[in-house]
Amino acid sequence: MLFKSLEFKNVVGQKVKVMDIPVLAENSTYNFMIQVRLQTFVASIYKEKSLKKCYSFKEHLKKVMKWPDYEQLFKVGELKNNA
């Protein structure tokens, strides 16, 4: 799975980075849900005045999504022969 990151300045002018944003196909069943959750996550960070400069969207999804949906979204097949 491919991941992208997003950098912006918040209300105070502090540079903030959001990492681990999954890149999904247009026809993916989770595409709309991820877009909406990303918009709300970025909006909440934008208004926040904290010292934290780097956020993981994947960790945020782990907290807010149902576990079966999270596993389905980030499923990783087992590697053969420890490769």
Protein backbone atom coordinates (compact mmCIF):
# COMPACT_ATOMS: atom_id res chain seq x y z
CA MET A 1 0.00 0.00 0.00
CA LEU A 2 1.20 3.49 -0.80
CA PHE A 3 1.16 6.27 1.75
CA LYS A 4 1.38 10.02 1.33
CA SER A 5 2.00 12.88 3.72
CA LEU A 6 0.59 16.38 4.05
CA GLU A 7 2.30 19.51 5.36
CA PHE A 8 0.57 22.77 6.29
CA LYS A 9 0.67 25.64 8.76
CA ASN A 10 -1.90 25.76 11.55
CA VAL A 11 -3.73 28.79 12.97
CA VAL A 12 -0.68 29.89 14.97
CA GLY A 13 1.62 29.58 11.91
CA GLN A 14 3.38 26.45 13.13
CA LYS A 15 4.32 23.89 10.44
CA VAL A 16 2.45 20.59 10.97
CA LYS A 17 2.96 17.29 9.13
CA VAL A 18 0.42 14.49 8.80
CA MET A 19 2.00 11.19 7.73
CA ASP A 20 0.78 7.71 6.79
CA ILE A 21 -2.23 8.76 4.71
CA PRO A 22 -3.26 5.71 2.64
CA VAL A 23 -3.62 6.13 -1.12
CA LEU A 24 -6.70 4.22 -2.28
CA ALA A 25 -8.17 3.52 -5.69
CA GLU A 26 -11.20 5.56 -6.75
CA ASN A 27 -13.43 2.46 -6.69
CA SER A 28 -12.31 1.36 -3.20
CA THR A 29 -15.07 0.88 -0.65
CA TYR A 30 -13.08 2.82 1.96
CA ASN A 31 -12.20 5.79 -0.26
CA PHE A 32 -15.04 8.08 0.88
CA MET A 33 -14.68 7.13 4.55
CA ILE A 34 -10.93 7.89 4.52
CA GLN A 35 -11.48 11.25 2.77
CA VAL A 36 -14.05 12.37 5.34
CA ARG A 37 -11.97 11.22 8.30
CA LEU A 38 -8.88 12.95 6.88
CA GLN A 39 -10.80 16.23 6.45
CA THR A 40 -12.07 16.15 10.03
CA PHE A 41 -8.63 15.16 11.37
CA VAL A 42 -6.86 17.99 9.53
CA ALA A 43 -9.55 20.48 10.62
CA SER A 44 -9.09 19.49 14.26
CA ILE A 45 -5.28 19.79 13.99
CA TYR A 46 -5.55 23.14 12.20
CA LYS A 47 -7.41 24.72 15.13
CA GLU A 48 -5.24 23.07 17.79
CA LYS A 49 -2.43 24.99 19.48
CA SER A 50 -0.10 22.23 20.55
CA LEU A 51 3.61 21.59 20.54
CA LYS A 52 3.27 18.42 18.50
CA LYS A 53 4.49 18.93 14.91
CA CYS A 54 4.03 15.47 13.41
CA TYR A 55 0.90 13.31 13.40
CA SER A 56 0.23 9.81 12.08
CA PHE A 57 -3.10 9.43 10.30
CA LYS A 58 -2.75 5.65 10.46
CA GLU A 59 -2.56 5.80 14.28
CA HIS A 60 -5.59 8.11 14.32
CA LEU A 61 -7.55 5.63 12.20
CA LYS A 62 -6.57 2.84 14.58
CA LYS A 63 -8.30 4.77 17.38
CA VAL A 64 -11.47 5.83 15.54
CA MET A 65 -12.25 2.96 13.14
CA LYS A 66 -13.80 -0.37 13.95
CA TRP A 67 -11.06 -2.97 14.16
CA PRO A 68 -12.34 -5.29 11.37
CA ASP A 69 -12.51 -2.30 8.98
CA TYR A 70 -9.02 -1.18 10.00
CA GLU A 71 -7.60 -4.67 9.41
CA GLN A 72 -9.31 -4.90 6.02
CA LEU A 73 -7.95 -1.51 4.98
CA PHE A 74 -4.36 -2.15 6.07
CA LYS A 75 -4.21 -5.92 5.55
CA VAL A 76 -0.75 -7.20 4.82
CA GLY A 77 -0.35 -10.68 3.47
CA GLU A 78 2.05 -12.99 5.20
CA LEU A 79 5.50 -13.02 3.72
CA LYS A 80 6.83 -16.27 2.38
CA ASN A 81 10.08 -17.59 3.83
CA ASN A 82 10.62 -14.42 5.88
CA ALA A 83 11.14 -12.37 2.72
